[in-house]
Amino acid sequence: GSCHSFVATLGRLVPQLRGQEFTE
């Protein structure tokens, strides 16, 4: 469940990062 939760969270968050710029 912990592994699944981690992957699911990244699957939700990473696409939302599109267009964002991060500092170094």
PDBML (XML) file of the C-alpha atoms, coordinates in Angstrom:
<?xml version="1.0" encoding="UTF-8" ?>
<PDBx:datablock datablockName="MODEL"
   xmlns:PDBx="http://pdbml.pdb.org/schema/pdbx-v50.xsd"
   xmlns:xsi="http://www.w3.org/2001/XMLSchema-instance"
   xsi:schemaLocation="http://pdbml.pdb.org/schema/pdbx-v50.xsd pdbx-v50.xsd">
   <PDBx:atom_siteCategory>
      <PDBx:atom_site id="1">
         <PDBx:B_iso_or_equiv>0.00</PDBx:B_iso_or_equiv>
         <PDBx:Cartn_x>0.000</PDBx:Cartn_x>
         <PDBx:Cartn_y>0.000</PDBx:Cartn_y>
         <PDBx:Cartn_z>0.000</PDBx:Cartn_z>
         <PDBx:auth_asym_id>A</PDBx:auth_asym_id>
         <PDBx:auth_atom_id>CA</PDBx:auth_atom_id>
         <PDBx:auth_comp_id>GLY</PDBx:auth_comp_id>
         <PDBx:auth_seq_id>1</PDBx:auth_seq_id>
         <PDBx:group_PDB>ATOM</PDBx:group_PDB>
         <PDBx:label_alt_id xsi:nil="true" />
         <PDBx:label_asym_id>A</PDBx:label_asym_id>
         <PDBx:label_atom_id>CA</PDBx:label_atom_id>
         <PDBx:label_comp_id>GLY</PDBx:label_comp_id>
         <PDBx:label_entity_id>1</PDBx:label_entity_id>
         <PDBx:label_seq_id>1</PDBx:label_seq_id>
         <PDBx:occupancy>1.00</PDBx:occupancy>
         <PDBx:pdbx_PDB_model_num>1</PDBx:pdbx_PDB_model_num>
         <PDBx:type_symbol>C</PDBx:type_symbol>
      </PDBx:atom_site>
      <PDBx:atom_site id="2">
         <PDBx:B_iso_or_equiv>0.00</PDBx:B_iso_or_equiv>
         <PDBx:Cartn_x>2.849</PDBx:Cartn_x>
         <PDBx:Cartn_y>2.407</PDBx:Cartn_y>
         <PDBx:Cartn_z>0.769</PDBx:Cartn_z>
         <PDBx:auth_asym_id>A</PDBx:auth_asym_id>
         <PDBx:auth_atom_id>CA</PDBx:auth_atom_id>
         <PDBx:auth_comp_id>SER</PDBx:auth_comp_id>
         <PDBx:auth_seq_id>2</PDBx:auth_seq_id>
         <PDBx:group_PDB>ATOM</PDBx:group_PDB>
         <PDBx:label_alt_id xsi:nil="true" />
         <PDBx:label_asym_id>A</PDBx:label_asym_id>
         <PDBx:label_atom_id>CA</PDBx:label_atom_id>
         <PDBx:label_comp_id>SER</PDBx:label_comp_id>
         <PDBx:label_entity_id>1</PDBx:label_entity_id>
         <PDBx:label_seq_id>2</PDBx:label_seq_id>
         <PDBx:occupancy>1.00</PDBx:occupancy>
         <PDBx:pdbx_PDB_model_num>1</PDBx:pdbx_PDB_model_num>
         <PDBx:type_symbol>C</PDBx:type_symbol>
      </PDBx:atom_site>
      <PDBx:atom_site id="3">
         <PDBx:B_iso_or_equiv>0.00</PDBx:B_iso_or_equiv>
         <PDBx:Cartn_x>4.473</PDBx:Cartn_x>
         <PDBx:Cartn_y>1.678</PDBx:Cartn_y>
         <PDBx:Cartn_z>-2.589</PDBx:Cartn_z>
         <PDBx:auth_asym_id>A</PDBx:auth_asym_id>
         <PDBx:auth_atom_id>CA</PDBx:auth_atom_id>
         <PDBx:auth_comp_id>CYS</PDBx:auth_comp_id>
         <PDBx:auth_seq_id>3</PDBx:auth_seq_id>
         <PDBx:group_PDB>ATOM</PDBx:group_PDB>
         <PDBx:label_alt_id xsi:nil="true" />
         <PDBx:label_asym_id>A</PDBx:label_asym_id>
         <PDBx:label_atom_id>CA</PDBx:label_atom_id>
         <PDBx:label_comp_id>CYS</PDBx:label_comp_id>
         <PDBx:label_entity_id>1</PDBx:label_entity_id>
         <PDBx:label_seq_id>3</PDBx:label_seq_id>
         <PDBx:occupancy>1.00</PDBx:occupancy>
         <PDBx:pdbx_PDB_model_num>1</PDBx:pdbx_PDB_model_num>
         <PDBx:type_symbol>C</PDBx:type_symbol>
      </PDBx:atom_site>
      <PDBx:atom_site id="4">
         <PDBx:B_iso_or_equiv>0.00</PDBx:B_iso_or_equiv>
         <PDBx:Cartn_x>1.165</PDBx:Cartn_x>
         <PDBx:Cartn_y>2.089</PDBx:Cartn_y>
         <PDBx:Cartn_z>-4.397</PDBx:Cartn_z>
         <PDBx:auth_asym_id>A</PDBx:auth_asym_id>
         <PDBx:auth_atom_id>CA</PDBx:auth_atom_id>
         <PDBx:auth_comp_id>HIS</PDBx:auth_comp_id>
         <PDBx:auth_seq_id>4</PDBx:auth_seq_id>
         <PDBx:group_PDB>ATOM</PDBx:group_PDB>
         <PDBx:label_alt_id xsi:nil="true" />
         <PDBx:label_asym_id>A</PDBx:label_asym_id>
         <PDBx:label_atom_id>CA</PDBx:label_atom_id>
         <PDBx:label_comp_id>HIS</PDBx:label_comp_id>
         <PDBx:label_entity_id>1</PDBx:label_entity_id>
         <PDBx:label_seq_id>4</PDBx:label_seq_id>
         <PDBx:occupancy>1.00</PDBx:occupancy>
         <PDBx:pdbx_PDB_model_num>1</PDBx:pdbx_PDB_model_num>
         <PDBx:type_symbol>C</PDBx:type_symbol>
      </PDBx:atom_site>
      <PDBx:atom_site id="5">
         <PDBx:B_iso_or_equiv>0.00</PDBx:B_iso_or_equiv>
         <PDBx:Cartn_x>0.409</PDBx:Cartn_x>
         <PDBx:Cartn_y>5.344</PDBx:Cartn_y>
         <PDBx:Cartn_z>-2.570</PDBx:Cartn_z>
         <PDBx:auth_asym_id>A</PDBx:auth_asym_id>
         <PDBx:auth_atom_id>CA</PDBx:auth_atom_id>
         <PDBx:auth_comp_id>SER</PDBx:auth_comp_id>
         <PDBx:auth_seq_id>5</PDBx:auth_seq_id>
         <PDBx:group_PDB>ATOM</PDBx:group_PDB>
         <PDBx:label_alt_id xsi:nil="true" />
         <PDBx:label_asym_id>A</PDBx:label_asym_id>
         <PDBx:label_atom_id>CA</PDBx:label_atom_id>
         <PDBx:label_comp_id>SER</PDBx:label_comp_id>
         <PDBx:label_entity_id>1</PDBx:label_entity_id>
         <PDBx:label_seq_id>5</PDBx:label_seq_id>
         <PDBx:occupancy>1.00</PDBx:occupancy>
         <PDBx:pdbx_PDB_model_num>1</PDBx:pdbx_PDB_model_num>
         <PDBx:type_symbol>C</PDBx:type_symbol>
      </PDBx:atom_site>
      <PDBx:atom_site id="6">
         <PDBx:B_iso_or_equiv>0.00</PDBx:B_iso_or_equiv>
         <PDBx:Cartn_x>3.808</PDBx:Cartn_x>
         <PDBx:Cartn_y>6.794</PDBx:Cartn_y>
         <PDBx:Cartn_z>-3.461</PDBx:Cartn_z>
         <PDBx:auth_asym_id>A</PDBx:auth_asym_id>
         <PDBx:auth_atom_id>CA</PDBx:auth_atom_id>
         <PDBx:auth_comp_id>PHE</PDBx:auth_comp_id>
         <PDBx:auth_seq_id>6</PDBx:auth_seq_id>
         <PDBx:group_PDB>ATOM</PDBx:group_PDB>
         <PDBx:label_alt_id xsi:nil="true" />
         <PDBx:label_asym_id>A</PDBx:label_asym_id>
         <PDBx:label_atom_id>CA</PDBx:label_atom_id>
         <PDBx:label_comp_id>PHE</PDBx:label_comp_id>
         <PDBx:label_entity_id>1</PDBx:label_entity_id>
         <PDBx:label_seq_id>6</PDBx:label_seq_id>
         <PDBx:occupancy>1.00</PDBx:occupancy>
         <PDBx:pdbx_PDB_model_num>1</PDBx:pdbx_PDB_model_num>
         <PDBx:type_symbol>C</PDBx:type_symbol>
      </PDBx:atom_site>
      <PDBx:atom_site id="7">
         <PDBx:B_iso_or_equiv>0.00</PDBx:B_iso_or_equiv>
         <PDBx:Cartn_x>3.461</PDBx:Cartn_x>
         <PDBx:Cartn_y>5.939</PDBx:Cartn_y>
         <PDBx:Cartn_z>-7.153</PDBx:Cartn_z>
         <PDBx:auth_asym_id>A</PDBx:auth_asym_id>
         <PDBx:auth_atom_id>CA</PDBx:auth_atom_id>
         <PDBx:auth_comp_id>VAL</PDBx:auth_comp_id>
         <PDBx:auth_seq_id>7</PDBx:auth_seq_id>
         <PDBx:group_PDB>ATOM</PDBx:group_PDB>
         <PDBx:label_alt_id xsi:nil="true" />
         <PDBx:label_asym_id>A</PDBx:label_asym_id>
         <PDBx:label_atom_id>CA</PDBx:label_atom_id>
         <PDBx:label_comp_id>VAL</PDBx:label_comp_id>
         <PDBx:label_entity_id>1</PDBx:label_entity_id>
         <PDBx:label_seq_id>7</PDBx:label_seq_id>
         <PDBx:occupancy>1.00</PDBx:occupancy>
         <PDBx:pdbx_PDB_model_num>1</PDBx:pdbx_PDB_model_num>
         <PDBx:type_symbol>C</PDBx:type_symbol>
      </PDBx:atom_site>
      <PDBx:atom_site id="8">
         <PDBx:B_iso_or_equiv>0.00</PDBx:B_iso_or_equiv>
         <PDBx:Cartn_x>-0.149</PDBx:Cartn_x>
         <PDBx:Cartn_y>7.173</PDBx:Cartn_y>
         <PDBx:Cartn_z>-7.259</PDBx:Cartn_z>
         <PDBx:auth_asym_id>A</PDBx:auth_asym_id>
         <PDBx:auth_atom_id>CA</PDBx:auth_atom_id>
         <PDBx:auth_comp_id>ALA</PDBx:auth_comp_id>
         <PDBx:auth_seq_id>8</PDBx:auth_seq_id>
         <PDBx:group_PDB>ATOM</PDBx:group_PDB>
         <PDBx:label_alt_id xsi:nil="true" />
         <PDBx:label_asym_id>A</PDBx:label_asym_id>
         <PDBx:label_atom_id>CA</PDBx:label_atom_id>
         <PDBx:label_comp_id>ALA</PDBx:label_comp_id>
         <PDBx:label_entity_id>1</PDBx:label_entity_id>
         <PDBx:label_seq_id>8</PDBx:label_seq_id>
         <PDBx:occupancy>1.00</PDBx:occupancy>
         <PDBx:pdbx_PDB_model_num>1</PDBx:pdbx_PDB_model_num>
         <PDBx:type_symbol>C</PDBx:type_symbol>
      </PDBx:atom_site>
      <PDBx:atom_site id="9">
         <PDBx:B_iso_or_equiv>0.00</PDBx:B_iso_or_equiv>
         <PDBx:Cartn_x>0.835</PDBx:Cartn_x>
         <PDBx:Cartn_y>10.461</PDBx:Cartn_y>
         <PDBx:Cartn_z>-5.622</PDBx:Cartn_z>
         <PDBx:auth_asym_id>A</PDBx:auth_asym_id>
         <PDBx:auth_atom_id>CA</PDBx:auth_atom_id>
         <PDBx:auth_comp_id>THR</PDBx:auth_comp_id>
         <PDBx:auth_seq_id>9</PDBx:auth_seq_id>
         <PDBx:group_PDB>ATOM</PDBx:group_PDB>
         <PDBx:label_alt_id xsi:nil="true" />
         <PDBx:label_asym_id>A</PDBx:label_asym_id>
         <PDBx:label_atom_id>CA</PDBx:label_atom_id>
         <PDBx:label_comp_id>THR</PDBx:label_comp_id>
         <PDBx:label_entity_id>1</PDBx:label_entity_id>
         <PDBx:label_seq_id>9</PDBx:label_seq_id>
         <PDBx:occupancy>1.00</PDBx:occupancy>
         <PDBx:pdbx_PDB_model_num>1</PDBx:pdbx_PDB_model_num>
         <PDBx:type_symbol>C</PDBx:type_symbol>
      </PDBx:atom_site>
      <PDBx:atom_site id="10">
         <PDBx:B_iso_or_equiv>0.00</PDBx:B_iso_or_equiv>
         <PDBx:Cartn_x>3.601</PDBx:Cartn_x>
         <PDBx:Cartn_y>11.026</PDBx:Cartn_y>
         <PDBx:Cartn_z>-8.154</PDBx:Cartn_z>
         <PDBx:auth_asym_id>A</PDBx:auth_asym_id>
         <PDBx:auth_atom_id>CA</PDBx:auth_atom_id>
         <PDBx:auth_comp_id>LEU</PDBx:auth_comp_id>
         <PDBx:auth_seq_id>10</PDBx:auth_seq_id>
         <PDBx:group_PDB>ATOM</PDBx:group_PDB>
         <PDBx:label_alt_id xsi:nil="true" />
         <PDBx:label_asym_id>A</PDBx:label_asym_id>
         <PDBx:label_atom_id>CA</PDBx:label_atom_id>
         <PDBx:label_comp_id>LEU</PDBx:label_comp_id>
         <PDBx:label_entity_id>1</PDBx:label_entity_id>
         <PDBx:label_seq_id>10</PDBx:label_seq_id>
         <PDBx:occupancy>1.00</PDBx:occupancy>
         <PDBx:pdbx_PDB_model_num>1</PDBx:pdbx_PDB_model_num>
         <PDBx:type_symbol>C</PDBx:type_symbol>
      </PDBx:atom_site>
      <PDBx:atom_site id="11">
         <PDBx:B_iso_or_equiv>0.00</PDBx:B_iso_or_equiv>
         <PDBx:Cartn_x>1.198</PDBx:Cartn_x>
         <PDBx:Cartn_y>10.103</PDBx:Cartn_y>
         <PDBx:Cartn_z>-10.947</PDBx:Cartn_z>
         <PDBx:auth_asym_id>A</PDBx:auth_asym_id>
         <PDBx:auth_atom_id>CA</PDBx:auth_atom_id>
         <PDBx:auth_comp_id>GLY</PDBx:auth_comp_id>
         <PDBx:auth_seq_id>11</PDBx:auth_seq_id>
         <PDBx:group_PDB>ATOM</PDBx:group_PDB>
         <PDBx:label_alt_id xsi:nil="true" />
         <PDBx:label_asym_id>A</PDBx:label_asym_id>
         <PDBx:label_atom_id>CA</PDBx:label_atom_id>
         <PDBx:label_comp_id>GLY</PDBx:label_comp_id>
         <PDBx:label_entity_id>1</PDBx:label_entity_id>
         <PDBx:label_seq_id>11</PDBx:label_seq_id>
         <PDBx:occupancy>1.00</PDBx:occupancy>
         <PDBx:pdbx_PDB_model_num>1</PDBx:pdbx_PDB_model_num>
         <PDBx:type_symbol>C</PDBx:type_symbol>
      </PDBx:atom_site>
      <PDBx:atom_site id="12">
         <PDBx:B_iso_or_equiv>0.00</PDBx:B_iso_or_equiv>
         <PDBx:Cartn_x>-1.097</PDBx:Cartn_x>
         <PDBx:Cartn_y>12.862</PDBx:Cartn_y>
         <PDBx:Cartn_z>-9.732</PDBx:Cartn_z>
         <PDBx:auth_asym_id>A</PDBx:auth_asym_id>
         <PDBx:auth_atom_id>CA</PDBx:auth_atom_id>
         <PDBx:auth_comp_id>ARG</PDBx:auth_comp_id>
         <PDBx:auth_seq_id>12</PDBx:auth_seq_id>
         <PDBx:group_PDB>ATOM</PDBx:group_PDB>
         <PDBx:label_alt_id xsi:nil="true" />
         <PDBx:label_asym_id>A</PDBx:label_asym_id>
         <PDBx:label_atom_id>CA</PDBx:label_atom_id>
         <PDBx:label_comp_id>ARG</PDBx:label_comp_id>
         <PDBx:label_entity_id>1</PDBx:label_entity_id>
         <PDBx:label_seq_id>12</PDBx:label_seq_id>
         <PDBx:occupancy>1.00</PDBx:occupancy>
         <PDBx:pdbx_PDB_model_num>1</PDBx:pdbx_PDB_model_num>
         <PDBx:type_symbol>C</PDBx:type_symbol>
      </PDBx:atom_site>
      <PDBx:atom_site id="13">
         <PDBx:B_iso_or_equiv>0.00</PDBx:B_iso_or_equiv>
         <PDBx:Cartn_x>1.527</PDBx:Cartn_x>
         <PDBx:Cartn_y>15.512</PDBx:Cartn_y>
         <PDBx:Cartn_z>-8.928</PDBx:Cartn_z>
         <PDBx:auth_asym_id>A</PDBx:auth_asym_id>
         <PDBx:auth_atom_id>CA</PDBx:auth_atom_id>
         <PDBx:auth_comp_id>LEU</PDBx:auth_comp_id>
         <PDBx:auth_seq_id>13</PDBx:auth_seq_id>
         <PDBx:group_PDB>ATOM</PDBx:group_PDB>
         <PDBx:label_alt_id xsi:nil="true" />
         <PDBx:label_asym_id>A</PDBx:label_asym_id>
         <PDBx:label_atom_id>CA</PDBx:label_atom_id>
         <PDBx:label_comp_id>LEU</PDBx:label_comp_id>
         <PDBx:label_entity_id>1</PDBx:label_entity_id>
         <PDBx:label_seq_id>13</PDBx:label_seq_id>
         <PDBx:occupancy>1.00</PDBx:occupancy>
         <PDBx:pdbx_PDB_model_num>1</PDBx:pdbx_PDB_model_num>
         <PDBx:type_symbol>C</PDBx:type_symbol>
      </PDBx:atom_site>
      <PDBx:atom_site id="14">
         <PDBx:B_iso_or_equiv>0.00</PDBx:B_iso_or_equiv>
         <PDBx:Cartn_x>4.120</PDBx:Cartn_x>
         <PDBx:Cartn_y>15.254</PDBx:Cartn_y>
         <PDBx:Cartn_z>-11.698</PDBx:Cartn_z>
         <PDBx:auth_asym_id>A</PDBx:auth_asym_id>
         <PDBx:auth_atom_id>CA</PDBx:auth_atom_id>
         <PDBx:auth_comp_id>VAL</PDBx:auth_comp_id>
         <PDBx:auth_seq_id>14</PDBx:auth_seq_id>
         <PDBx:group_PDB>ATOM</PDBx:group_PDB>
         <PDBx:label_alt_id xsi:nil="true" />
         <PDBx:label_asym_id>A</PDBx:label_asym_id>
         <PDBx:label_atom_id>CA</PDBx:label_atom_id>
         <PDBx:label_comp_id>VAL</PDBx:label_comp_id>
         <PDBx:label_entity_id>1</PDBx:label_entity_id>
         <PDBx:label_seq_id>14</PDBx:label_seq_id>
         <PDBx:occupancy>1.00</PDBx:occupancy>
         <PDBx:pdbx_PDB_model_num>1</PDBx:pdbx_PDB_model_num>
         <PDBx:type_symbol>C</PDBx:type_symbol>
      </PDBx:atom_site>
      <PDBx:atom_site id="15">
         <PDBx:B_iso_or_equiv>0.00</PDBx:B_iso_or_equiv>
         <PDBx:Cartn_x>1.732</PDBx:Cartn_x>
         <PDBx:Cartn_y>16.119</PDBx:Cartn_y>
         <PDBx:Cartn_z>-14.567</PDBx:Cartn_z>
         <PDBx:auth_asym_id>A</PDBx:auth_asym_id>
         <PDBx:auth_atom_id>CA</PDBx:auth_atom_id>
         <PDBx:auth_comp_id>PRO</PDBx:auth_comp_id>
         <PDBx:auth_seq_id>15</PDBx:auth_seq_id>
         <PDBx:group_PDB>ATOM</PDBx:group_PDB>
         <PDBx:label_alt_id xsi:nil="true" />
         <PDBx:label_asym_id>A</PDBx:label_asym_id>
         <PDBx:label_atom_id>CA</PDBx:label_atom_id>
         <PDBx:label_comp_id>PRO</PDBx:label_comp_id>
         <PDBx:label_entity_id>1</PDBx:label_entity_id>
         <PDBx:label_seq_id>15</PDBx:label_seq_id>
         <PDBx:occupancy>1.00</PDBx:occupancy>
         <PDBx:pdbx_PDB_model_num>1</PDBx:pdbx_PDB_model_num>
         <PDBx:type_symbol>C</PDBx:type_symbol>
      </PDBx:atom_site>
      <PDBx:atom_site id="16">
         <PDBx:B_iso_or_equiv>0.00</PDBx:B_iso_or_equiv>
         <PDBx:Cartn_x>0.680</PDBx:Cartn_x>
         <PDBx:Cartn_y>19.234</PDBx:Cartn_y>
         <PDBx:Cartn_z>-12.622</PDBx:Cartn_z>
         <PDBx:auth_asym_id>A</PDBx:auth_asym_id>
         <PDBx:auth_atom_id>CA</PDBx:auth_atom_id>
         <PDBx:auth_comp_id>GLN</PDBx:auth_comp_id>
         <PDBx:auth_seq_id>16</PDBx:auth_seq_id>
         <PDBx:group_PDB>ATOM</PDBx:group_PDB>
         <PDBx:label_alt_id xsi:nil="true" />
         <PDBx:label_asym_id>A</PDBx:label_asym_id>
         <PDBx:label_atom_id>CA</PDBx:label_atom_id>
         <PDBx:label_comp_id>GLN</PDBx:label_comp_id>
         <PDBx:label_entity_id>1</PDBx:label_entity_id>
         <PDBx:label_seq_id>16</PDBx:label_seq_id>
         <PDBx:occupancy>1.00</PDBx:occupancy>
         <PDBx:pdbx_PDB_model_num>1</PDBx:pdbx_PDB_model_num>
         <PDBx:type_symbol>C</PDBx:type_symbol>
      </PDBx:atom_site>
      <PDBx:atom_site id="17">
         <PDBx:B_iso_or_equiv>0.00</PDBx:B_iso_or_equiv>
         <PDBx:Cartn_x>4.286</PDBx:Cartn_x>
         <PDBx:Cartn_y>20.464</PDBx:Cartn_y>
         <PDBx:Cartn_z>-12.739</PDBx:Cartn_z>
         <PDBx:auth_asym_id>A</PDBx:auth_asym_id>
         <PDBx:auth_atom_id>CA</PDBx:auth_atom_id>
         <PDBx:auth_comp_id>LEU</PDBx:auth_comp_id>
         <PDBx:auth_seq_id>17</PDBx:auth_seq_id>
         <PDBx:group_PDB>ATOM</PDBx:group_PDB>
         <PDBx:label_alt_id xsi:nil="true" />
         <PDBx:label_asym_id>A</PDBx:label_asym_id>
         <PDBx:label_atom_id>CA</PDBx:label_atom_id>
         <PDBx:label_comp_id>LEU</PDBx:label_comp_id>
         <PDBx:label_entity_id>1</PDBx:label_entity_id>
         <PDBx:label_seq_id>17</PDBx:label_seq_id>
         <PDBx:occupancy>1.00</PDBx:occupancy>
         <PDBx:pdbx_PDB_model_num>1</PDBx:pdbx_PDB_model_num>
         <PDBx:type_symbol>C</PDBx:type_symbol>
      </PDBx:atom_site>
      <PDBx:atom_site id="18">
         <PDBx:B_iso_or_equiv>0.00</PDBx:B_iso_or_equiv>
         <PDBx:Cartn_x>4.070</PDBx:Cartn_x>
         <PDBx:Cartn_y>21.132</PDBx:Cartn_y>
         <PDBx:Cartn_z>-16.477</PDBx:Cartn_z>
         <PDBx:auth_asym_id>A</PDBx:auth_asym_id>
         <PDBx:auth_atom_id>CA</PDBx:auth_atom_id>
         <PDBx:auth_comp_id>ARG</PDBx:auth_comp_id>
         <PDBx:auth_seq_id>18</PDBx:auth_seq_id>
         <PDBx:group_PDB>ATOM</PDBx:group_PDB>
         <PDBx:label_alt_id xsi:nil="true" />
         <PDBx:label_asym_id>A</PDBx:label_asym_id>
         <PDBx:label_atom_id>CA</PDBx:label_atom_id>
         <PDBx:label_comp_id>ARG</PDBx:label_comp_id>
         <PDBx:label_entity_id>1</PDBx:label_entity_id>
         <PDBx:label_seq_id>18</PDBx:label_seq_id>
         <PDBx:occupancy>1.00</PDBx:occupancy>
         <PDBx:pdbx_PDB_model_num>1</PDBx:pdbx_PDB_model_num>
         <PDBx:type_symbol>C</PDBx:type_symbol>
      </PDBx:atom_site>
      <PDBx:atom_site id="19">
         <PDBx:B_iso_or_equiv>0.00</PDBx:B_iso_or_equiv>
         <PDBx:Cartn_x>5.062</PDBx:Cartn_x>
         <PDBx:Cartn_y>24.710</PDBx:Cartn_y>
         <PDBx:Cartn_z>-17.208</PDBx:Cartn_z>
         <PDBx:auth_asym_id>A</PDBx:auth_asym_id>
         <PDBx:auth_atom_id>CA</PDBx:auth_atom_id>
         <PDBx:auth_comp_id>GLY</PDBx:auth_comp_id>
         <PDBx:auth_seq_id>19</PDBx:auth_seq_id>
         <PDBx:group_PDB>ATOM</PDBx:group_PDB>
         <PDBx:label_alt_id xsi:nil="true" />
         <PDBx:label_asym_id>A</PDBx:label_asym_id>
         <PDBx:label_atom_id>CA</PDBx:label_atom_id>
         <PDBx:label_comp_id>GLY</PDBx:label_comp_id>
         <PDBx:label_entity_id>1</PDBx:label_entity_id>
         <PDBx:label_seq_id>19</PDBx:label_seq_id>
         <PDBx:occupancy>1.00</PDBx:occupancy>
         <PDBx:pdbx_PDB_model_num>1</PDBx:pdbx_PDB_model_num>
         <PDBx:type_symbol>C</PDBx:type_symbol>
      </PDBx:atom_site>
      <PDBx:atom_site id="20">
         <PDBx:B_iso_or_equiv>0.00</PDBx:B_iso_or_equiv>
         <PDBx:Cartn_x>6.480</PDBx:Cartn_x>
         <PDBx:Cartn_y>25.391</PDBx:Cartn_y>
         <PDBx:Cartn_z>-13.766</PDBx:Cartn_z>
         <PDBx:auth_asym_id>A</PDBx:auth_asym_id>
         <PDBx:auth_atom_id>CA</PDBx:auth_atom_id>
         <PDBx:auth_comp_id>GLN</PDBx:auth_comp_id>
         <PDBx:auth_seq_id>20</PDBx:auth_seq_id>
         <PDBx:group_PDB>ATOM</PDBx:group_PDB>
         <PDBx:label_alt_id xsi:nil="true" />
         <PDBx:label_asym_id>A</PDBx:label_asym_id>
         <PDBx:label_atom_id>CA</PDBx:label_atom_id>
         <PDBx:label_comp_id>GLN</PDBx:label_comp_id>
         <PDBx:label_entity_id>1</PDBx:label_entity_id>
         <PDBx:label_seq_id>20</PDBx:label_seq_id>
         <PDBx:occupancy>1.00</PDBx:occupancy>
         <PDBx:pdbx_PDB_model_num>1</PDBx:pdbx_PDB_model_num>
         <PDBx:type_symbol>C</PDBx:type_symbol>
      </PDBx:atom_site>
      <PDBx:atom_site id="21">
         <PDBx:B_iso_or_equiv>0.00</PDBx:B_iso_or_equiv>
         <PDBx:Cartn_x>10.044</PDBx:Cartn_x>
         <PDBx:Cartn_y>26.568</PDBx:Cartn_y>
         <PDBx:Cartn_z>-13.419</PDBx:Cartn_z>
         <PDBx:auth_asym_id>A</PDBx:auth_asym_id>
         <PDBx:auth_atom_id>CA</PDBx:auth_atom_id>
         <PDBx:auth_comp_id>GLU</PDBx:auth_comp_id>
         <PDBx:auth_seq_id>21</PDBx:auth_seq_id>
         <PDBx:group_PDB>ATOM</PDBx:group_PDB>
         <PDBx:label_alt_id xsi:nil="true" />
         <PDBx:label_asym_id>A</PDBx:label_asym_id>
         <PDBx:label_atom_id>CA</PDBx:label_atom_id>
         <PDBx:label_comp_id>GLU</PDBx:label_comp_id>
         <PDBx:label_entity_id>1</PDBx:label_entity_id>
         <PDBx:label_seq_id>21</PDBx:label_seq_id>
         <PDBx:occupancy>1.00</PDBx:occupancy>
         <PDBx:pdbx_PDB_model_num>1</PDBx:pdbx_PDB_model_num>
         <PDBx:type_symbol>C</PDBx:type_symbol>
      </PDBx:atom_site>
      <PDBx:atom_site id="22">
         <PDBx:B_iso_or_equiv>0.00</PDBx:B_iso_or_equiv>
         <PDBx:Cartn_x>12.115</PDBx:Cartn_x>
         <PDBx:Cartn_y>25.622</PDBx:Cartn_y>
         <PDBx:Cartn_z>-10.426</PDBx:Cartn_z>
         <PDBx:auth_asym_id>A</PDBx:auth_asym_id>
         <PDBx:auth_atom_id>CA</PDBx:auth_atom_id>
         <PDBx:auth_comp_id>PHE</PDBx:auth_comp_id>
         <PDBx:auth_seq_id>22</PDBx:auth_seq_id>
         <PDBx:group_PDB>ATOM</PDBx:group_PDB>
         <PDBx:label_alt_id xsi:nil="true" />
         <PDBx:label_asym_id>A</PDBx:label_asym_id>
         <PDBx:label_atom_id>CA</PDBx:label_atom_id>
         <PDBx:label_comp_id>PHE</PDBx:label_comp_id>
         <PDBx:label_entity_id>1</PDBx:label_entity_id>
         <PDBx:label_seq_id>22</PDBx:label_seq_id>
         <PDBx:occupancy>1.00</PDBx:occupancy>
         <PDBx:pdbx_PDB_model_num>1</PDBx:pdbx_PDB_model_num>
         <PDBx:type_symbol>C</PDBx:type_symbol>
      </PDBx:atom_site>
      <PDBx:atom_site id="23">
         <PDBx:B_iso_or_equiv>0.00</PDBx:B_iso_or_equiv>
         <PDBx:Cartn_x>15.060</PDBx:Cartn_x>
         <PDBx:Cartn_y>27.410</PDBx:Cartn_y>
         <PDBx:Cartn_z>-8.924</PDBx:Cartn_z>
         <PDBx:auth_asym_id>A</PDBx:auth_asym_id>
         <PDBx:auth_atom_id>CA</PDBx:auth_atom_id>
         <PDBx:auth_comp_id>THR</PDBx:auth_comp_id>
         <PDBx:auth_seq_id>23</PDBx:auth_seq_id>
         <PDBx:group_PDB>ATOM</PDBx:group_PDB>
         <PDBx:label_alt_id xsi:nil="true" />
         <PDBx:label_asym_id>A</PDBx:label_asym_id>
         <PDBx:label_atom_id>CA</PDBx:label_atom_id>
         <PDBx:label_comp_id>THR</PDBx:label_comp_id>
         <PDBx:label_entity_id>1</PDBx:label_entity_id>
         <PDBx:label_seq_id>23</PDBx:label_seq_id>
         <PDBx:occupancy>1.00</PDBx:occupancy>
         <PDBx:pdbx_PDB_model_num>1</PDBx:pdbx_PDB_model_num>
         <PDBx:type_symbol>C</PDBx:type_symbol>
      </PDBx:atom_site>
      <PDBx:atom_site id="24">
         <PDBx:B_iso_or_equiv>0.00</PDBx:B_iso_or_equiv>
         <PDBx:Cartn_x>18.375</PDBx:Cartn_x>
         <PDBx:Cartn_y>25.594</PDBx:Cartn_y>
         <PDBx:Cartn_z>-8.772</PDBx:Cartn_z>
         <PDBx:auth_asym_id>A</PDBx:auth_asym_id>
         <PDBx:auth_atom_id>CA</PDBx:auth_atom_id>
         <PDBx:auth_comp_id>GLU</PDBx:auth_comp_id>
         <PDBx:auth_seq_id>24</PDBx:auth_seq_id>
         <PDBx:group_PDB>ATOM</PDBx:group_PDB>
         <PDBx:label_alt_id xsi:nil="true" />
         <PDBx:label_asym_id>A</PDBx:label_asym_id>
         <PDBx:label_atom_id>CA</PDBx:label_atom_id>
         <PDBx:label_comp_id>GLU</PDBx:label_comp_id>
         <PDBx:label_entity_id>1</PDBx:label_entity_id>
         <PDBx:label_seq_id>24</PDBx:label_seq_id>
         <PDBx:occupancy>1.00</PDBx:occupancy>
         <PDBx:pdbx_PDB_model_num>1</PDBx:pdbx_PDB_model_num>
         <PDBx:type_symbol>C</PDBx:type_symbol>
      </PDBx:atom_site>
   </PDBx:atom_siteCategory>
</PDBx:datablock>
